[in-house]
Amino acid sequence: MAHTLTRRTLLTAGAGVATVAVVGGLAARDLSRPAPKPAGPDVPVGDARLIRIASSARGREVDF
């Protein structure tokens, strides 16, 4: 018993192939774009220091 290809089967297969091609093209386009640079903070550069302060609650010196 031979299977015959109908017009409906060919059109459905063609639509499936076209859908896969379009989705693959969109994915490739998105992957080829460079990643945006992360934005830095909108604050001026400050003074960063580490000091040790005696804590009465902890009973020891803590970093501040």
PDB file of N, CA and C in Angstrom:
ATOM      1  N   MET A   1       0.846  -1.171   0.000  1.00  0.00           N
ATOM      2  CA  MET A   1       0.000   0.000   0.000  1.00  0.00           C
ATOM      3  C   MET A   1       0.893   1.237   0.000  1.00  0.00           C
ATOM      4  N   ALA A   2       0.809   2.034  -0.999  1.00  0.00           N
ATOM      5  CA  ALA A   2       1.635   3.225  -1.151  1.00  0.00           C
ATOM      6  C   ALA A   2       0.906   4.438  -0.578  1.00  0.00           C
ATOM      7  N   HIS A   3       1.678   5.262   0.117  1.00  0.00           N
ATOM      8  CA  HIS A   3       1.103   6.495   0.654  1.00  0.00           C
ATOM      9  C   HIS A   3       1.247   7.579  -0.398  1.00  0.00           C
ATOM     10  N   THR A   4       0.203   8.287  -0.645  1.00  0.00           N
ATOM     11  CA  THR A   4       0.258   9.379  -1.603  1.00  0.00           C
ATOM     12  C   THR A   4       0.311  10.701  -0.846  1.00  0.00           C
ATOM     13  N   LEU A   5       1.083  11.593  -1.392  1.00  0.00           N
ATOM     14  CA  LEU A   5       1.161  12.926  -0.793  1.00  0.00           C
ATOM     15  C   LEU A   5       0.029  13.766  -1.354  1.00  0.00           C
ATOM     16  N   THR A   6      -0.717  14.353  -0.442  1.00  0.00           N
ATOM     17  CA  THR A   6      -1.803  15.211  -0.876  1.00  0.00           C
ATOM     18  C   THR A   6      -1.335  16.657  -0.876  1.00  0.00           C
ATOM     19  N   ARG A   7      -2.094  17.473  -1.517  1.00  0.00           N
ATOM     20  CA  ARG A   7      -1.764  18.896  -1.560  1.00  0.00           C
ATOM     21  C   ARG A   7      -1.782  19.482  -0.154  1.00  0.00           C
ATOM     22  N   ARG A   8      -2.717  19.067   0.668  1.00  0.00           N
ATOM     23  CA  ARG A   8      -2.821  19.555   2.037  1.00  0.00           C
ATOM     24  C   ARG A   8      -1.564  19.190   2.849  1.00  0.00           C
ATOM     25  N   THR A   9      -1.057  17.985   2.670  1.00  0.00           N
ATOM     26  CA  THR A   9       0.147  17.553   3.374  1.00  0.00           C
ATOM     27  C   THR A   9       1.350  18.390   2.948  1.00  0.00           C
ATOM     28  N   LEU A  10       1.486  18.637   1.672  1.00  0.00           N
ATOM     29  CA  LEU A  10       2.600  19.447   1.179  1.00  0.00           C
ATOM     30  C   LEU A  10       2.515  20.883   1.673  1.00  0.00           C
ATOM     31  N   LEU A  11       1.318  21.452   1.692  1.00  0.00           N
ATOM     32  CA  LEU A  11       1.156  22.825   2.171  1.00  0.00           C
ATOM     33  C   LEU A  11       1.441  22.917   3.673  1.00  0.00           C
ATOM     34  N   THR A  12       1.007  21.927   4.435  1.00  0.00           N
ATOM     35  CA  THR A  12       1.256  21.919   5.876  1.00  0.00           C
ATOM     36  C   THR A  12       2.752  21.785   6.147  1.00  0.00           C
ATOM     37  N   ALA A  13       3.421  20.905   5.423  1.00  0.00           N
ATOM     38  CA  ALA A  13       4.867  20.738   5.595  1.00  0.00           C
ATOM     39  C   ALA A  13       5.605  22.010   5.203  1.00  0.00           C
ATOM     40  N   GLY A  14       5.185  22.651   4.126  1.00  0.00           N
ATOM     41  CA  GLY A  14       5.822  23.897   3.696  1.00  0.00           C
ATOM     42  C   GLY A  14       5.636  25.005   4.718  1.00  0.00           C
ATOM     43  N   ALA A  15       4.455  25.082   5.309  1.00  0.00           N
ATOM     44  CA  ALA A  15       4.207  26.095   6.337  1.00  0.00           C
ATOM     45  C   ALA A  15       5.057  25.817   7.574  1.00  0.00           C
ATOM     46  N   GLY A  16       5.240  24.564   7.920  1.00  0.00           N
ATOM     47  CA  GLY A  16       6.083  24.216   9.058  1.00  0.00           C
ATOM     48  C   GLY A  16       7.536  24.581   8.820  1.00  0.00           C
ATOM     49  N   VAL A  17       8.023  24.304   7.628  1.00  0.00           N
ATOM     50  CA  VAL A  17       9.410  24.652   7.289  1.00  0.00           C
ATOM     51  C   VAL A  17       9.587  26.165   7.298  1.00  0.00           C
ATOM     52  N   ALA A  18       8.627  26.905   6.765  1.00  0.00           N
ATOM     53  CA  ALA A  18       8.715  28.365   6.746  1.00  0.00           C
ATOM     54  C   ALA A  18       8.694  28.926   8.165  1.00  0.00           C
ATOM     55  N   THR A  19       7.881  28.358   9.038  1.00  0.00           N
ATOM     56  CA  THR A  19       7.817  28.820  10.426  1.00  0.00           C
ATOM     57  C   THR A  19       9.135  28.597  11.137  1.00  0.00           C
ATOM     58  N   VAL A  20       9.717  27.418  10.940  1.00  0.00           N
ATOM     59  CA  VAL A  20      11.007  27.120  11.562  1.00  0.00           C
ATOM     60  C   VAL A  20      12.085  28.072  11.038  1.00  0.00           C
ATOM     61  N   ALA A  21      12.059  28.384   9.752  1.00  0.00           N
ATOM     62  CA  ALA A  21      13.046  29.300   9.176  1.00  0.00           C
ATOM     63  C   ALA A  21      12.902  30.704   9.747  1.00  0.00           C
ATOM     64  N   VAL A  22      11.686  31.171   9.888  1.00  0.00           N
ATOM     65  CA  VAL A  22      11.460  32.520  10.427  1.00  0.00           C
ATOM     66  C   VAL A  22      11.892  32.598  11.893  1.00  0.00           C
ATOM     67  N   VAL A  23      11.506  31.607  12.685  1.00  0.00           N
ATOM     68  CA  VAL A  23      11.882  31.609  14.102  1.00  0.00           C
ATOM     69  C   VAL A  23      13.390  31.497  14.248  1.00  0.00           C
ATOM     70  N   GLY A  24      14.021  30.663  13.449  1.00  0.00           N
ATOM     71  CA  GLY A  24      15.482  30.535  13.491  1.00  0.00           C
ATOM     72  C   GLY A  24      16.171  31.827  13.079  1.00  0.00           C
ATOM     73  N   GLY A  25      15.644  32.507  12.085  1.00  0.00           N
ATOM     74  CA  GLY A  25      16.221  33.782  11.659  1.00  0.00           C
ATOM     75  C   GLY A  25      16.099  34.854  12.726  1.00  0.00           C
ATOM     76  N   LEU A  26      14.961  34.905  13.393  1.00  0.00           N
ATOM     77  CA  LEU A  26      14.780  35.887  14.469  1.00  0.00           C
ATOM     78  C   LEU A  26      15.711  35.590  15.637  1.00  0.00           C
ATOM     79  N   ALA A  27      15.881  34.319  15.970  1.00  0.00           N
ATOM     80  CA  ALA A  27      16.782  33.953  17.064  1.00  0.00           C
ATOM     81  C   ALA A  27      18.223  34.292  16.704  1.00  0.00           C
ATOM     82  N   ALA A  28      18.617  34.037  15.473  1.00  0.00           N
ATOM     83  CA  ALA A  28      19.981  34.351  15.050  1.00  0.00           C
ATOM     84  C   ALA A  28      20.221  35.856  15.068  1.00  0.00           C
ATOM     85  N   ARG A  29      19.218  36.627  14.670  1.00  0.00           N
ATOM     86  CA  ARG A  29      19.361  38.083  14.686  1.00  0.00           C
ATOM     87  C   ARG A  29      19.539  38.600  16.106  1.00  0.00           C
ATOM     88  N   ASP A  30      18.763  38.066  17.044  1.00  0.00           N
ATOM     89  CA  ASP A  30      18.880  38.500  18.439  1.00  0.00           C
ATOM     90  C   ASP A  30      20.210  38.096  19.048  1.00  0.00           C
ATOM     91  N   LEU A  31      20.716  36.933  18.687  1.00  0.00           N
ATOM     92  CA  LEU A  31      21.992  36.471  19.235  1.00  0.00           C
ATOM     93  C   LEU A  31      23.187  37.216  18.649  1.00  0.00           C
ATOM     94  N   SER A  32      23.026  37.788  17.467  1.00  0.00           N
ATOM     95  CA  SER A  32      24.151  38.475  16.830  1.00  0.00           C
ATOM     96  C   SER A  32      24.305  39.919  17.297  1.00  0.00           C
ATOM     97  N   ARG A  33      23.318  40.449  17.991  1.00  0.00           N
ATOM     98  CA  ARG A  33      23.416  41.818  18.494  1.00  0.00           C
ATOM     99  C   ARG A  33      24.375  41.877  19.674  1.00  0.00           C
ATOM    100  N   PRO A  34      25.192  42.934  19.756  1.00  0.00           N
ATOM    101  CA  PRO A  34      26.071  43.049  20.925  1.00  0.00           C
ATOM    102  C   PRO A  34      25.260  43.382  22.172  1.00  0.00           C
ATOM    103  N   ALA A  35      25.731  42.904  23.297  1.00  0.00           N
ATOM    104  CA  ALA A  35      25.041  43.166  24.562  1.00  0.00           C
ATOM    105  C   ALA A  35      25.215  44.635  24.933  1.00  0.00           C
ATOM    106  N   PRO A  36      24.171  45.267  25.463  1.00  0.00           N
ATOM    107  CA  PRO A  36      24.297  46.675  25.861  1.00  0.00           C
ATOM    108  C   PRO A  36      25.236  46.803  27.058  1.00  0.00           C
ATOM    109  N   LYS A  37      25.963  47.922  27.090  1.00  0.00           N
ATOM    110  CA  LYS A  37      26.865  48.172  28.208  1.00  0.00           C
ATOM    111  C   LYS A  37      26.044  48.529  29.440  1.00  0.00           C
ATOM    112  N   PRO A  38      26.411  47.983  30.597  1.00  0.00           N
ATOM    113  CA  PRO A  38      25.675  48.346  31.800  1.00  0.00           C
ATOM    114  C   PRO A  38      25.959  49.795  32.178  1.00  0.00           C
ATOM    115  N   ALA A  39      24.925  50.477  32.621  1.00  0.00           N
ATOM    116  CA  ALA A  39      25.059  51.880  33.001  1.00  0.00           C
ATOM    117  C   ALA A  39      25.686  51.980  34.385  1.00  0.00           C
ATOM    118  N   GLY A  40      26.570  52.929  34.542  1.00  0.00           N
ATOM    119  CA  GLY A  40      27.191  53.166  35.839  1.00  0.00           C
ATOM    120  C   GLY A  40      26.257  53.938  36.743  1.00  0.00           C
ATOM    121  N   PRO A  41      26.580  54.022  38.004  1.00  0.00           N
ATOM    122  CA  PRO A  41      25.720  54.774  38.918  1.00  0.00           C
ATOM    123  C   PRO A  41      25.777  56.274  38.624  1.00  0.00           C
ATOM    124  N   ASP A  42      24.702  56.962  38.955  1.00  0.00           N
ATOM    125  CA  ASP A  42      24.607  58.401  38.720  1.00  0.00           C
ATOM    126  C   ASP A  42      25.072  59.202  39.936  1.00  0.00           C
ATOM    127  N   VAL A  43      26.044  58.704  40.646  1.00  0.00           N
ATOM    128  CA  VAL A  43      26.560  59.391  41.822  1.00  0.00           C
ATOM    129  C   VAL A  43      28.043  59.659  41.635  1.00  0.00           C
ATOM    130  N   PRO A  44      28.546  60.721  42.219  1.00  0.00           N
ATOM    131  CA  PRO A  44      29.979  60.981  42.094  1.00  0.00           C
ATOM    132  C   PRO A  44      30.786  59.951  42.888  1.00  0.00           C
ATOM    133  N   VAL A  45      32.040  59.786  42.503  1.00  0.00           N
ATOM    134  CA  VAL A  45      32.919  58.868  43.199  1.00  0.00           C
ATOM    135  C   VAL A  45      33.134  59.385  44.611  1.00  0.00           C
ATOM    136  N   GLY A  46      32.941  58.536  45.582  1.00  0.00           N
ATOM    137  CA  GLY A  46      33.032  58.962  46.973  1.00  0.00           C
ATOM    138  C   GLY A  46      34.300  58.474  47.639  1.00  0.00           C
ATOM    139  N   ASP A  47      34.383  58.729  48.913  1.00  0.00           N
ATOM    140  CA  ASP A  47      35.519  58.346  49.730  1.00  0.00           C
ATOM    141  C   ASP A  47      35.183  57.003  50.383  1.00  0.00           C
ATOM    142  N   ALA A  48      35.967  55.978  50.117  1.00  0.00           N
ATOM    143  CA  ALA A  48      35.718  54.655  50.688  1.00  0.00           C
ATOM    144  C   ALA A  48      36.788  54.364  51.725  1.00  0.00           C
ATOM    145  N   ARG A  49      36.354  54.171  52.958  1.00  0.00           N
ATOM    146  CA  ARG A  49      37.272  53.858  54.043  1.00  0.00           C
ATOM    147  C   ARG A  49      36.687  52.745  54.880  1.00  0.00           C
ATOM    148  N   LEU A  50      37.562  52.053  55.606  1.00  0.00           N
ATOM    149  CA  LEU A  50      37.132  51.038  56.538  1.00  0.00           C
ATOM    150  C   LEU A  50      37.725  51.381  57.895  1.00  0.00           C
ATOM    151  N   ILE A  51      36.844  51.565  58.870  1.00  0.00           N
ATOM    152  CA  ILE A  51      37.319  51.856  60.221  1.00  0.00           C
ATOM    153  C   ILE A  51      36.716  50.827  61.171  1.00  0.00           C
ATOM    154  N   ARG A  52      37.357  50.630  62.292  1.00  0.00           N
ATOM    155  CA  ARG A  52      36.865  49.702  63.314  1.00  0.00           C
ATOM    156  C   ARG A  52      36.347  50.517  64.489  1.00  0.00           C
ATOM    157  N   ILE A  53      35.137  50.179  64.939  1.00  0.00           N
ATOM    158  CA  ILE A  53      34.489  50.882  66.034  1.00  0.00           C
ATOM    159  C   ILE A  53      34.113  49.856  67.098  1.00  0.00           C
ATOM    160  N   ALA A  54      34.311  50.238  68.361  1.00  0.00           N
ATOM    161  CA  ALA A  54      33.930  49.353  69.457  1.00  0.00           C
ATOM    162  C   ALA A  54      32.414  49.302  69.577  1.00  0.00           C
ATOM    163  N   SER A  55      31.862  48.070  69.619  1.00  0.00           N
ATOM    164  CA  SER A  55      30.424  47.885  69.739  1.00  0.00           C
ATOM    165  C   SER A  55      30.121  47.343  71.129  1.00  0.00           C
ATOM    166  N   SER A  56      29.317  48.107  71.885  1.00  0.00           N
ATOM    167  CA  SER A  56      28.960  47.640  73.220  1.00  0.00           C
ATOM    168  C   SER A  56      27.933  46.509  73.142  1.00  0.00           C
ATOM    169  N   ALA A  57      27.119  46.477  72.110  1.00  0.00           N
ATOM    170  CA  ALA A  57      26.119  45.417  71.962  1.00  0.00           C
ATOM    171  C   ALA A  57      26.774  44.080  71.638  1.00  0.00           C
ATOM    172  N   ARG A  58      27.825  44.119  70.837  1.00  0.00           N
ATOM    173  CA  ARG A  58      28.500  42.882  70.463  1.00  0.00           C
ATOM    174  C   ARG A  58      29.684  42.567  71.366  1.00  0.00           C
ATOM    175  N   GLY A  59      30.129  43.536  72.085  1.00  0.00           N
ATOM    176  CA  GLY A  59      31.232  43.335  72.982  1.00  0.00           C
ATOM    177  C   GLY A  59      32.570  43.166  72.280  1.00  0.00           C
ATOM    178  N   ARG A  60      32.696  43.748  71.111  1.00  0.00           N
ATOM    179  CA  ARG A  60      33.943  43.668  70.361  1.00  0.00           C
ATOM    180  C   ARG A  60      33.997  44.801  69.342  1.00  0.00           C
ATOM    181  N   GLU A  61      35.100  44.896  68.611  1.00  0.00           N
ATOM    182  CA  GLU A  61      35.217  45.901  67.559  1.00  0.00           C
ATOM    183  C   GLU A  61      34.604  45.353  66.271  1.00  0.00           C
ATOM    184  N   VAL A  62      33.926  46.211  65.542  1.00  0.00           N
ATOM    185  CA  VAL A  62      33.303  45.816  64.280  1.00  0.00           C
ATOM    186  C   VAL A  62      33.772  46.743  63.176  1.00  0.00           C
ATOM    187  N   ASP A  63      33.765  46.229  61.951  1.00  0.00           N
ATOM    188  CA  ASP A  63      34.139  47.041  60.788  1.00  0.00           C
ATOM    189  C   ASP A  63      32.988  47.977  60.446  1.00  0.00           C
ATOM    190  N   PHE A  64      33.342  49.209  60.121  1.00  0.00           N
ATOM    191  CA  PHE A  64      32.351  50.205  59.769  1.00  0.00           C
ATOM    192  C   PHE A  64      32.842  50.966  58.569  1.00  0.00           C
TER     193      PHE A  64
END
